[in-house]
Amino acid sequence: MRKPRHIGQKIALASALFCAFMMLPALAGFVWVWQTRGLGDSWTPSILATAAFFGCCAGVLYAMSRPQPVLPAEGEGLLSEAGATVDR
């Protein structure tokens, strides 16, 4: 079971979706510049780097937006030296 997302995680999720959305026009721009100007032009790798930046931002922000699992109550599920759980 996971905790619900708090406001910071919701903002990170919205930002991840925005970055993923912005990656699409950057990729389209890369393909267009690649086809019209070729790989030798300085704009082509710059637009590809922009698309990669948005993709990486989306991945990191999504990872930050995931809710954390619920921790067990204090004293429950502790492992003894033999590897068995200890109930207190």
PDB file of N, CA and C in Angstrom:
ATOM      1  N   MET A   1       0.837  -1.176   0.000  1.00  0.00           N
ATOM      2  CA  MET A   1       0.000   0.000   0.000  1.00  0.00           C
ATOM      3  C   MET A   1       0.883   1.241   0.000  1.00  0.00           C
ATOM      4  N   ARG A   2       0.457   2.245  -0.736  1.00  0.00           N
ATOM      5  CA  ARG A   2       1.229   3.475  -0.832  1.00  0.00           C
ATOM      6  C   ARG A   2       0.451   4.636  -0.228  1.00  0.00           C
ATOM      7  N   LYS A   3       1.197   5.630   0.223  1.00  0.00           N
ATOM      8  CA  LYS A   3       0.597   6.857   0.727  1.00  0.00           C
ATOM      9  C   LYS A   3       0.035   7.649  -0.461  1.00  0.00           C
ATOM     10  N   PRO A   4      -0.929   8.512  -0.222  1.00  0.00           N
ATOM     11  CA  PRO A   4      -1.387   9.386  -1.318  1.00  0.00           C
ATOM     12  C   PRO A   4      -0.324  10.443  -1.635  1.00  0.00           C
ATOM     13  N   ARG A   5      -0.365  10.965  -2.853  1.00  0.00           N
ATOM     14  CA  ARG A   5       0.593  12.007  -3.235  1.00  0.00           C
ATOM     15  C   ARG A   5       0.289  13.299  -2.473  1.00  0.00           C
ATOM     16  N   HIS A   6       1.342  13.932  -1.957  1.00  0.00           N
ATOM     17  CA  HIS A   6       1.156  15.242  -1.343  1.00  0.00           C
ATOM     18  C   HIS A   6       1.335  16.313  -2.420  1.00  0.00           C
ATOM     19  N   ILE A   7       1.171  17.559  -2.071  1.00  0.00           N
ATOM     20  CA  ILE A   7       1.121  18.644  -3.055  1.00  0.00           C
ATOM     21  C   ILE A   7       2.418  18.761  -3.852  1.00  0.00           C
ATOM     22  N   GLY A   8       3.557  18.550  -3.218  1.00  0.00           N
ATOM     23  CA  GLY A   8       4.827  18.626  -3.933  1.00  0.00           C
ATOM     24  C   GLY A   8       4.946  17.531  -4.983  1.00  0.00           C
ATOM     25  N   GLN A   9       4.458  16.335  -4.658  1.00  0.00           N
ATOM     26  CA  GLN A   9       4.502  15.237  -5.618  1.00  0.00           C
ATOM     27  C   GLN A   9       3.508  15.467  -6.757  1.00  0.00           C
ATOM     28  N   LYS A  10       2.386  16.100  -6.472  1.00  0.00           N
ATOM     29  CA  LYS A  10       1.429  16.418  -7.531  1.00  0.00           C
ATOM     30  C   LYS A  10       2.002  17.460  -8.490  1.00  0.00           C
ATOM     31  N   ILE A  11       2.718  18.436  -7.945  1.00  0.00           N
ATOM     32  CA  ILE A  11       3.364  19.441  -8.787  1.00  0.00           C
ATOM     33  C   ILE A  11       4.448  18.793  -9.639  1.00  0.00           C
ATOM     34  N   ALA A  12       5.216  17.867  -9.056  1.00  0.00           N
ATOM     35  CA  ALA A  12       6.249  17.165  -9.813  1.00  0.00           C
ATOM     36  C   ALA A  12       5.632  16.325 -10.926  1.00  0.00           C
ATOM     37  N   LEU A  13       4.495  15.686 -10.666  1.00  0.00           N
ATOM     38  CA  LEU A  13       3.824  14.896 -11.692  1.00  0.00           C
ATOM     39  C   LEU A  13       3.321  15.789 -12.826  1.00  0.00           C
ATOM     40  N   ALA A  14       2.735  16.924 -12.482  1.00  0.00           N
ATOM     41  CA  ALA A  14       2.273  17.856 -13.514  1.00  0.00           C
ATOM     42  C   ALA A  14       3.449  18.382 -14.334  1.00  0.00           C
ATOM     43  N   SER A  15       4.559  18.649 -13.679  1.00  0.00           N
ATOM     44  CA  SER A  15       5.750  19.113 -14.392  1.00  0.00           C
ATOM     45  C   SER A  15       6.317  18.017 -15.286  1.00  0.00           C
ATOM     46  N   ALA A  16       6.265  16.779 -14.836  1.00  0.00           N
ATOM     47  CA  ALA A  16       6.735  15.658 -15.658  1.00  0.00           C
ATOM     48  C   ALA A  16       5.884  15.512 -16.909  1.00  0.00           C
ATOM     49  N   LEU A  17       4.584  15.653 -16.748  1.00  0.00           N
ATOM     50  CA  LEU A  17       3.700  15.583 -17.916  1.00  0.00           C
ATOM     51  C   LEU A  17       3.970  16.738 -18.878  1.00  0.00           C
ATOM     52  N   PHE A  18       4.205  17.931 -18.338  1.00  0.00           N
ATOM     53  CA  PHE A  18       4.527  19.082 -19.183  1.00  0.00           C
ATOM     54  C   PHE A  18       5.836  18.854 -19.940  1.00  0.00           C
ATOM     55  N   CYS A  19       6.854  18.328 -19.268  1.00  0.00           N
ATOM     56  CA  CYS A  19       8.130  18.070 -19.933  1.00  0.00           C
ATOM     57  C   CYS A  19       7.985  16.997 -21.011  1.00  0.00           C
ATOM     58  N   ALA A  20       7.199  15.964 -20.724  1.00  0.00           N
ATOM     59  CA  ALA A  20       6.971  14.929 -21.724  1.00  0.00           C
ATOM     60  C   ALA A  20       6.240  15.506 -22.931  1.00  0.00           C
ATOM     61  N   PHE A  21       5.293  16.407 -22.683  1.00  0.00           N
ATOM     62  CA  PHE A  21       4.577  17.057 -23.780  1.00  0.00           C
ATOM     63  C   PHE A  21       5.520  17.949 -24.590  1.00  0.00           C
ATOM     64  N   MET A  22       6.402  18.691 -23.921  1.00  0.00           N
ATOM     65  CA  MET A  22       7.321  19.596 -24.611  1.00  0.00           C
ATOM     66  C   MET A  22       8.404  18.851 -25.375  1.00  0.00           C
ATOM     67  N   MET A  23       8.641  17.592 -25.018  1.00  0.00           N
ATOM     68  CA  MET A  23       9.617  16.797 -25.752  1.00  0.00           C
ATOM     69  C   MET A  23       9.132  16.502 -27.174  1.00  0.00           C
ATOM     70  N   LEU A  24       7.826  16.381 -27.355  1.00  0.00           N
ATOM     71  CA  LEU A  24       7.279  16.054 -28.672  1.00  0.00           C
ATOM     72  C   LEU A  24       7.550  17.144 -29.720  1.00  0.00           C
ATOM     73  N   PRO A  25       7.277  18.439 -29.443  1.00  0.00           N
ATOM     74  CA  PRO A  25       7.636  19.448 -30.449  1.00  0.00           C
ATOM     75  C   PRO A  25       9.147  19.554 -30.665  1.00  0.00           C
ATOM     76  N   ALA A  26       9.923  19.297 -29.617  1.00  0.00           N
ATOM     77  CA  ALA A  26      11.380  19.345 -29.787  1.00  0.00           C
ATOM     78  C   ALA A  26      11.847  18.221 -30.722  1.00  0.00           C
ATOM     79  N   LEU A  27      11.251  17.035 -30.582  1.00  0.00           N
ATOM     80  CA  LEU A  27      11.599  15.945 -31.496  1.00  0.00           C
ATOM     81  C   LEU A  27      11.135  16.244 -32.916  1.00  0.00           C
ATOM     82  N   ALA A  28       9.954  16.814 -33.043  1.00  0.00           N
ATOM     83  CA  ALA A  28       9.466  17.186 -34.375  1.00  0.00           C
ATOM     84  C   ALA A  28      10.364  18.256 -34.995  1.00  0.00           C
ATOM     85  N   GLY A  29      10.791  19.216 -34.194  1.00  0.00           N
ATOM     86  CA  GLY A  29      11.717  20.232 -34.684  1.00  0.00           C
ATOM     87  C   GLY A  29      13.051  19.648 -35.088  1.00  0.00           C
ATOM     88  N   PHE A  30      13.522  18.662 -34.319  1.00  0.00           N
ATOM     89  CA  PHE A  30      14.779  18.000 -34.671  1.00  0.00           C
ATOM     90  C   PHE A  30      14.666  17.314 -36.021  1.00  0.00           C
ATOM     91  N   VAL A  31      13.583  16.576 -36.236  1.00  0.00           N
ATOM     92  CA  VAL A  31      13.409  15.866 -37.507  1.00  0.00           C
ATOM     93  C   VAL A  31      13.301  16.867 -38.660  1.00  0.00           C
ATOM     94  N   TRP A  32      12.579  17.950 -38.438  1.00  0.00           N
ATOM     95  CA  TRP A  32      12.423  18.950 -39.491  1.00  0.00           C
ATOM     96  C   TRP A  32      13.762  19.610 -39.839  1.00  0.00           C
ATOM     97  N   VAL A  33      14.519  20.023 -38.821  1.00  0.00           N
ATOM     98  CA  VAL A  33      15.817  20.666 -39.078  1.00  0.00           C
ATOM     99  C   VAL A  33      16.794  19.666 -39.692  1.00  0.00           C
ATOM    100  N   TRP A  34      16.733  18.418 -39.251  1.00  0.00           N
ATOM    101  CA  TRP A  34      17.602  17.382 -39.804  1.00  0.00           C
ATOM    102  C   TRP A  34      17.324  17.189 -41.294  1.00  0.00           C
ATOM    103  N   GLN A  35      16.048  17.174 -41.666  1.00  0.00           N
ATOM    104  CA  GLN A  35      15.687  16.962 -43.065  1.00  0.00           C
ATOM    105  C   GLN A  35      15.989  18.188 -43.927  1.00  0.00           C
ATOM    106  N   THR A  36      15.846  19.389 -43.378  1.00  0.00           N
ATOM    107  CA  THR A  36      16.053  20.592 -44.188  1.00  0.00           C
ATOM    108  C   THR A  36      17.504  21.054 -44.205  1.00  0.00           C
ATOM    109  N   ARG A  37      18.194  20.974 -43.089  1.00  0.00           N
ATOM    110  CA  ARG A  37      19.555  21.509 -43.012  1.00  0.00           C
ATOM    111  C   ARG A  37      20.633  20.437 -42.913  1.00  0.00           C
ATOM    112  N   GLY A  38      20.283  19.237 -42.497  1.00  0.00           N
ATOM    113  CA  GLY A  38      21.264  18.164 -42.369  1.00  0.00           C
ATOM    114  C   GLY A  38      21.903  18.141 -40.989  1.00  0.00           C
ATOM    115  N   LEU A  39      22.732  17.108 -40.778  1.00  0.00           N
ATOM    116  CA  LEU A  39      23.375  16.944 -39.477  1.00  0.00           C
ATOM    117  C   LEU A  39      24.561  17.880 -39.266  1.00  0.00           C
ATOM    118  N   GLY A  40      25.043  18.496 -40.323  1.00  0.00           N
ATOM    119  CA  GLY A  40      26.191  19.388 -40.204  1.00  0.00           C
ATOM    120  C   GLY A  40      25.853  20.742 -39.615  1.00  0.00           C
ATOM    121  N   ASP A  41      24.594  21.105 -39.610  1.00  0.00           N
ATOM    122  CA  ASP A  41      24.197  22.404 -39.074  1.00  0.00           C
ATOM    123  C   ASP A  41      24.236  22.372 -37.552  1.00  0.00           C
ATOM    124  N   SER A  42      24.578  23.494 -36.934  1.00  0.00           N
ATOM    125  CA  SER A  42      24.711  23.530 -35.470  1.00  0.00           C
ATOM    126  C   SER A  42      23.359  23.462 -34.758  1.00  0.00           C
ATOM    127  N   TRP A  43      22.266  23.794 -35.437  1.00  0.00           N
ATOM    128  CA  TRP A  43      20.951  23.723 -34.818  1.00  0.00           C
ATOM    129  C   TRP A  43      20.487  22.292 -34.595  1.00  0.00           C
ATOM    130  N   THR A  44      20.893  21.383 -35.436  1.00  0.00           N
ATOM    131  CA  THR A  44      20.385  20.004 -35.366  1.00  0.00           C
ATOM    132  C   THR A  44      20.739  19.321 -34.047  1.00  0.00           C
ATOM    133  N   PRO A  45      22.005  19.268 -33.639  1.00  0.00           N
ATOM    134  CA  PRO A  45      22.282  18.622 -32.353  1.00  0.00           C
ATOM    135  C   PRO A  45      21.757  19.420 -31.161  1.00  0.00           C
ATOM    136  N   SER A  46      21.619  20.739 -31.325  1.00  0.00           N
ATOM    137  CA  SER A  46      21.077  21.547 -30.232  1.00  0.00           C
ATOM    138  C   SER A  46      19.618  21.198 -29.964  1.00  0.00           C
ATOM    139  N   ILE A  47      18.848  21.021 -31.022  1.00  0.00           N
ATOM    140  CA  ILE A  47      17.442  20.665 -30.835  1.00  0.00           C
ATOM    141  C   ILE A  47      17.320  19.243 -30.300  1.00  0.00           C
ATOM    142  N   LEU A  48      18.199  18.346 -30.730  1.00  0.00           N
ATOM    143  CA  LEU A  48      18.188  16.992 -30.173  1.00  0.00           C
ATOM    144  C   LEU A  48      18.547  17.012 -28.692  1.00  0.00           C
ATOM    145  N   ALA A  49      19.491  17.856 -28.310  1.00  0.00           N
ATOM    146  CA  ALA A  49      19.847  17.985 -26.892  1.00  0.00           C
ATOM    147  C   ALA A  49      18.675  18.555 -26.089  1.00  0.00           C
ATOM    148  N   THR A  50      17.912  19.457 -26.690  1.00  0.00           N
ATOM    149  CA  THR A  50      16.733  19.994 -26.025  1.00  0.00           C
ATOM    150  C   THR A  50      15.696  18.902 -25.795  1.00  0.00           C
ATOM    151  N   ALA A  51      15.482  18.061 -26.807  1.00  0.00           N
ATOM    152  CA  ALA A  51      14.534  16.953 -26.663  1.00  0.00           C
ATOM    153  C   ALA A  51      15.011  15.974 -25.592  1.00  0.00           C
ATOM    154  N   ALA A  52      16.298  15.684 -25.558  1.00  0.00           N
ATOM    155  CA  ALA A  52      16.838  14.781 -24.536  1.00  0.00           C
ATOM    156  C   ALA A  52      16.707  15.398 -23.146  1.00  0.00           C
ATOM    157  N   PHE A  53      16.919  16.704 -23.046  1.00  0.00           N
ATOM    158  CA  PHE A  53      16.766  17.393 -21.766  1.00  0.00           C
ATOM    159  C   PHE A  53      15.342  17.258 -21.246  1.00  0.00           C
ATOM    160  N   PHE A  54      14.354  17.526 -22.110  1.00  0.00           N
ATOM    161  CA  PHE A  54      12.961  17.400 -21.690  1.00  0.00           C
ATOM    162  C   PHE A  54      12.625  15.967 -21.309  1.00  0.00           C
ATOM    163  N   GLY A  55      13.167  15.000 -22.032  1.00  0.00           N
ATOM    164  CA  GLY A  55      12.915  13.594 -21.697  1.00  0.00           C
ATOM    165  C   GLY A  55      13.503  13.208 -20.354  1.00  0.00           C
ATOM    166  N   CYS A  56      14.714  13.643 -20.096  1.00  0.00           N
ATOM    167  CA  CYS A  56      15.344  13.336 -18.806  1.00  0.00           C
ATOM    168  C   CYS A  56      14.638  14.049 -17.657  1.00  0.00           C
ATOM    169  N   CYS A  57      14.233  15.283 -17.886  1.00  0.00           N
ATOM    170  CA  CYS A  57      13.478  16.008 -16.853  1.00  0.00           C
ATOM    171  C   CYS A  57      12.173  15.295 -16.543  1.00  0.00           C
ATOM    172  N   ALA A  58      11.499  14.813 -17.584  1.00  0.00           N
ATOM    173  CA  ALA A  58      10.237  14.099 -17.368  1.00  0.00           C
ATOM    174  C   ALA A  58      10.470  12.841 -16.538  1.00  0.00           C
ATOM    175  N   GLY A  59      11.541  12.116 -16.825  1.00  0.00           N
ATOM    176  CA  GLY A  59      11.836  10.900 -16.068  1.00  0.00           C
ATOM    177  C   GLY A  59      12.149  11.173 -14.608  1.00  0.00           C
ATOM    178  N   VAL A  60      12.975  12.180 -14.361  1.00  0.00           N
ATOM    179  CA  VAL A  60      13.355  12.512 -12.979  1.00  0.00           C
ATOM    180  C   VAL A  60      12.158  13.048 -12.201  1.00  0.00           C
ATOM    181  N   LEU A  61      11.379  13.913 -12.821  1.00  0.00           N
ATOM    182  CA  LEU A  61      10.214  14.461 -12.126  1.00  0.00           C
ATOM    183  C   LEU A  61       9.169  13.390 -11.856  1.00  0.00           C
ATOM    184  N   TYR A  62       9.018  12.444 -12.780  1.00  0.00           N
ATOM    185  CA  TYR A  62       8.079  11.353 -12.519  1.00  0.00           C
ATOM    186  C   TYR A  62       8.558  10.496 -11.342  1.00  0.00           C
ATOM    187  N   ALA A  63       9.857  10.216 -11.289  1.00  0.00           N
ATOM    188  CA  ALA A  63      10.392   9.430 -10.170  1.00  0.00           C
ATOM    189  C   ALA A  63      10.189  10.165  -8.850  1.00  0.00           C
ATOM    190  N   MET A  64      10.316  11.484  -8.876  1.00  0.00           N
ATOM    191  CA  MET A  64      10.098  12.263  -7.650  1.00  0.00           C
ATOM    192  C   MET A  64       8.624  12.297  -7.256  1.00  0.00           C
ATOM    193  N   SER A  65       7.724  12.140  -8.221  1.00  0.00           N
ATOM    194  CA  SER A  65       6.303  12.256  -7.932  1.00  0.00           C
ATOM    195  C   SER A  65       5.688  10.970  -7.396  1.00  0.00           C
ATOM    196  N   ARG A  66       6.406   9.871  -7.466  1.00  0.00           N
ATOM    197  CA  ARG A  66       5.834   8.608  -7.007  1.00  0.00           C
ATOM    198  C   ARG A  66       5.710   8.612  -5.485  1.00  0.00           C
ATOM    199  N   PRO A  67       4.538   8.228  -4.970  1.00  0.00           N
ATOM    200  CA  PRO A  67       4.358   8.209  -3.512  1.00  0.00           C
ATOM    201  C   PRO A  67       5.198   7.115  -2.874  1.00  0.00           C
ATOM    202  N   GLN A  68       5.621   7.370  -1.676  1.00  0.00           N
ATOM    203  CA  GLN A  68       6.453   6.422  -0.943  1.00  0.00           C
ATOM    204  C   GLN A  68       5.582   5.323  -0.334  1.00  0.00           C
ATOM    205  N   PRO A  69       6.144   4.117  -0.165  1.00  0.00           N
ATOM    206  CA  PRO A  69       5.359   3.061   0.488  1.00  0.00           C
ATOM    207  C   PRO A  69       5.159   3.373   1.969  1.00  0.00           C
ATOM    208  N   VAL A  70       4.111   2.804   2.516  1.00  0.00           N
ATOM    209  CA  VAL A  70       3.821   2.992   3.933  1.00  0.00           C
ATOM    210  C   VAL A  70       4.831   2.188   4.738  1.00  0.00           C
ATOM    211  N   LEU A  71       5.439   2.825   5.710  1.00  0.00           N
ATOM    212  CA  LEU A  71       6.418   2.138   6.554  1.00  0.00           C
ATOM    213  C   LEU A  71       5.696   1.309   7.602  1.00  0.00           C
ATOM    214  N   PRO A  72       6.287   0.178   8.007  1.00  0.00           N
ATOM    215  CA  PRO A  72       5.654  -0.604   9.065  1.00  0.00           C
ATOM    216  C   PRO A  72       5.705   0.162  10.389  1.00  0.00           C
ATOM    217  N   ALA A  73       4.799  -0.178  11.282  1.00  0.00           N
ATOM    218  CA  ALA A  73       4.780   0.477  12.588  1.00  0.00           C
ATOM    219  C   ALA A  73       6.078   0.186  13.336  1.00  0.00           C
ATOM    220  N   GLU A  74       6.438   1.070  14.225  1.00  0.00           N
ATOM    221  CA  GLU A  74       7.692   0.911  14.942  1.00  0.00           C
ATOM    222  C   GLU A  74       7.672  -0.380  15.761  1.00  0.00           C
ATOM    223  N   GLY A  75       8.704  -1.189  15.591  1.00  0.00           N
ATOM    224  CA  GLY A  75       8.821  -2.440  16.328  1.00  0.00           C
ATOM    225  C   GLY A  75       8.252  -3.635  15.586  1.00  0.00           C
ATOM    226  N   GLU A  76       7.551  -3.428  14.495  1.00  0.00           N
ATOM    227  CA  GLU A  76       7.017  -4.548  13.727  1.00  0.00           C
ATOM    228  C   GLU A  76       7.973  -4.897  12.594  1.00  0.00           C
ATOM    229  N   GLY A  77       8.125  -6.174  12.366  1.00  0.00           N
ATOM    230  CA  GLY A  77       8.908  -6.634  11.232  1.00  0.00           C
ATOM    231  C   GLY A  77      10.402  -6.502  11.393  1.00  0.00           C
ATOM    232  N   LEU A  78      10.917  -6.407  12.597  1.00  0.00           N
ATOM    233  CA  LEU A  78      12.354  -6.351  12.796  1.00  0.00           C
ATOM    234  C   LEU A  78      12.947  -7.736  12.614  1.00  0.00           C
ATOM    235  N   LEU A  79      14.092  -7.805  11.986  1.00  0.00           N
ATOM    236  CA  LEU A  79      14.739  -9.096  11.754  1.00  0.00           C
ATOM    237  C   LEU A  79      15.714  -9.396  12.888  1.00  0.00           C
ATOM    238  N   SER A  80      15.667 -10.615  13.362  1.00  0.00           N
ATOM    239  CA  SER A  80      16.649 -11.027  14.365  1.00  0.00           C
ATOM    240  C   SER A  80      17.906 -11.490  13.647  1.00  0.00           C
ATOM    241  N   GLU A  81      18.913 -11.875  14.398  1.00  0.00           N
ATOM    242  CA  GLU A  81      20.156 -12.333  13.792  1.00  0.00           C
ATOM    243  C   GLU A  81      19.963 -13.629  13.024  1.00  0.00           C
ATOM    244  N   ALA A  82      19.001 -14.443  13.387  1.00  0.00           N
ATOM    245  CA  ALA A  82      18.756 -15.710  12.704  1.00  0.00           C
ATOM    246  C   ALA A  82      17.951 -15.515  11.415  1.00  0.00           C
ATOM    247  N   GLY A  83      17.410 -14.327  11.212  1.00  0.00           N
ATOM    248  CA  GLY A  83      16.659 -14.055   9.997  1.00  0.00           C
ATOM    249  C   GLY A  83      15.172 -14.187  10.158  1.00  0.00           C
ATOM    250  N   ALA A  84      14.678 -14.519  11.327  1.00  0.00           N
ATOM    251  CA  ALA A  84      13.242 -14.628  11.566  1.00  0.00           C
ATOM    252  C   ALA A  84      12.738 -13.287  12.093  1.00  0.00           C
ATOM    253  N   THR A  85      11.465 -13.022  11.863  1.00  0.00           N
ATOM    254  CA  THR A  85      10.910 -11.765  12.357  1.00  0.00           C
ATOM    255  C   THR A  85      10.663 -11.857  13.864  1.00  0.00           C
ATOM    256  N   VAL A  86      10.818 -10.737  14.494  1.00  0.00           N
ATOM    257  CA  VAL A  86      10.634 -10.668  15.929  1.00  0.00           C
ATOM    258  C   VAL A  86       9.401  -9.834  16.190  1.00  0.00           C
ATOM    259  N   ASP A  87       8.456 -10.370  16.976  1.00  0.00           N
ATOM    260  CA  ASP A  87       7.262  -9.636  17.363  1.00  0.00           C
ATOM    261  C   ASP A  87       7.466  -9.054  18.744  1.00  0.00           C
ATOM    262  N   ARG A  88       7.162  -7.776  18.885  1.00  0.00           N
ATOM    263  CA  ARG A  88       7.335  -7.122  20.194  1.00  0.00           C
ATOM    264  C   ARG A  88       6.007  -6.733  20.736  1.00  0.00           C
TER     265      ARG A  88
END
